[in-house]
Amino acid sequence: MLAEHSGTRDLIAFVVRHVSCSVCNHAYAADDVAIVRHSAESWVLAATCPSCHTERLITAFDRPPYALLPHMGMGILPPITQAEVDEWARFLAHFRGDLKALLAAI
């Protein structure tokens, strides 16, 4: 059972201490948070606000997601070159927009 898996109590306690409802900012209690899924790399928790009853899903990783890149077929990338830095500097000097537009442009 997921609720009895090693680390479950610590993870729920972390959510209770550091995460609040995104709608009304009410704090969660341990009974408001449940483990939905656990894999080798991640956990999915469901938190239900005791005040406004909004439910949210929270994904937690056992290690930083970028550490999984080599296991996903992405090898070690070479360091960024000065030419690449200069190219980005030229691009950003003339870019007018927000982060969403920036990500859409690249």
Protein backbone atom coordinates (compact mmCIF):
# COMPACT_ATOMS: atom_id res chain seq x y z
CA MET A 1 0.00 0.00 0.00
CA LEU A 2 1.31 3.47 -0.91
CA ALA A 3 0.48 4.98 2.46
CA GLU A 4 2.88 2.55 4.12
CA HIS A 5 5.74 2.92 1.62
CA SER A 6 9.08 4.04 3.03
CA GLY A 7 9.33 7.83 3.02
CA THR A 8 5.58 8.43 2.74
CA ARG A 9 5.19 10.06 6.15
CA ASP A 10 8.20 12.33 5.58
CA LEU A 11 6.90 13.41 2.18
CA ILE A 12 3.42 14.17 3.50
CA ALA A 13 4.94 16.06 6.44
CA PHE A 14 7.01 18.13 3.98
CA VAL A 15 3.88 19.03 1.99
CA VAL A 16 2.01 19.95 5.17
CA ARG A 17 4.89 22.22 6.29
CA HIS A 18 5.68 23.90 2.97
CA VAL A 19 2.64 23.83 0.65
CA SER A 20 -0.69 25.57 1.04
CA CYS A 21 -3.88 25.72 -1.01
CA SER A 22 -3.31 27.60 -4.25
CA VAL A 23 -6.83 29.07 -4.12
CA CYS A 24 -7.34 30.23 -0.53
CA ASN A 25 -3.83 29.72 0.92
CA HIS A 26 -5.17 27.53 3.74
CA ALA A 27 -2.66 25.08 5.23
CA TYR A 28 -3.01 21.33 4.72
CA ALA A 29 -3.08 18.76 7.52
CA ALA A 30 -1.61 15.28 7.10
CA ASP A 31 -5.12 13.84 6.62
CA ASP A 32 -5.64 16.21 3.65
CA VAL A 33 -2.74 14.72 1.66
CA ALA A 34 -2.68 11.27 0.06
CA ILE A 35 -0.16 9.43 -2.11
CA VAL A 36 -1.74 8.66 -5.49
CA ARG A 37 1.21 7.07 -7.27
CA HIS A 38 4.85 6.24 -6.68
CA SER A 39 7.43 5.14 -9.23
CA ALA A 40 11.19 4.71 -9.08
CA GLU A 41 11.69 8.42 -9.83
CA SER A 42 8.64 10.30 -8.58
CA TRP A 43 5.64 10.55 -6.30
CA VAL A 44 2.22 12.01 -7.11
CA LEU A 45 0.21 13.31 -4.16
CA ALA A 46 -3.34 14.64 -4.01
CA ALA A 47 -4.00 17.43 -1.52
CA THR A 48 -7.55 18.55 -0.71
CA CYS A 49 -8.03 21.89 0.99
CA PRO A 50 -10.02 21.53 4.22
CA SER A 51 -11.36 25.07 3.78
CA CYS A 52 -12.42 25.47 0.12
CA HIS A 53 -12.19 21.78 -0.90
CA THR A 54 -9.99 22.50 -3.92
CA GLU A 55 -7.97 19.46 -4.90
CA ARG A 56 -4.51 19.75 -6.39
CA LEU A 57 -1.96 17.23 -7.57
CA ILE A 58 1.62 17.61 -6.44
CA THR A 59 4.52 15.84 -8.12
CA ALA A 60 7.64 15.20 -6.07
CA PHE A 61 10.88 13.75 -7.35
CA ASP A 62 13.29 11.49 -5.47
CA ARG A 63 16.10 13.47 -7.07
CA PRO A 64 16.22 16.54 -9.33
CA PRO A 65 14.44 15.81 -12.65
CA TYR A 66 17.52 16.87 -14.63
CA ALA A 67 19.42 13.97 -13.03
CA LEU A 68 17.11 11.64 -15.00
CA LEU A 69 18.18 12.98 -18.41
CA PRO A 70 20.96 10.42 -18.98
CA HIS A 71 18.44 7.63 -18.30
CA MET A 72 16.11 9.14 -20.89
CA GLY A 73 18.64 8.79 -23.69
CA MET A 74 20.21 12.22 -23.30
CA GLY A 75 23.93 12.06 -22.80
CA ILE A 76 26.17 14.59 -21.16
CA LEU A 77 25.94 17.87 -23.03
CA PRO A 78 29.07 19.83 -23.90
CA PRO A 79 29.69 23.15 -22.14
CA ILE A 80 28.08 26.24 -23.62
CA THR A 81 30.50 28.04 -25.94
CA GLN A 82 31.19 31.75 -26.05
CA ALA A 83 29.65 31.83 -29.53
CA GLU A 84 26.39 30.44 -28.11
CA VAL A 85 26.41 33.03 -25.33
CA ASP A 86 26.96 35.79 -27.88
CA GLU A 87 24.16 34.45 -30.08
CA TRP A 88 21.71 34.45 -27.14
CA ALA A 89 22.83 37.94 -26.14
CA ARG A 90 22.04 39.23 -29.65
CA PHE A 91 18.67 37.45 -29.64
CA LEU A 92 17.67 38.72 -26.19
CA ALA A 93 18.81 42.29 -26.92
CA HIS A 94 15.99 42.60 -29.47
CA PHE A 95 13.43 40.30 -27.88
CA ARG A 96 10.26 41.96 -26.62
CA GLY A 97 7.89 39.67 -24.78
CA ASP A 98 7.33 37.49 -21.76
CA LEU A 99 8.66 34.05 -20.85
CA LYS A 100 5.84 32.29 -22.70
CA ALA A 101 6.69 34.16 -25.90
CA LEU A 102 10.40 33.47 -25.36
CA LEU A 103 9.85 29.73 -25.04
CA ALA A 104 7.60 29.75 -28.10
CA ALA A 105 10.31 31.54 -30.08
CA ILE A 106 13.04 29.01 -29.46
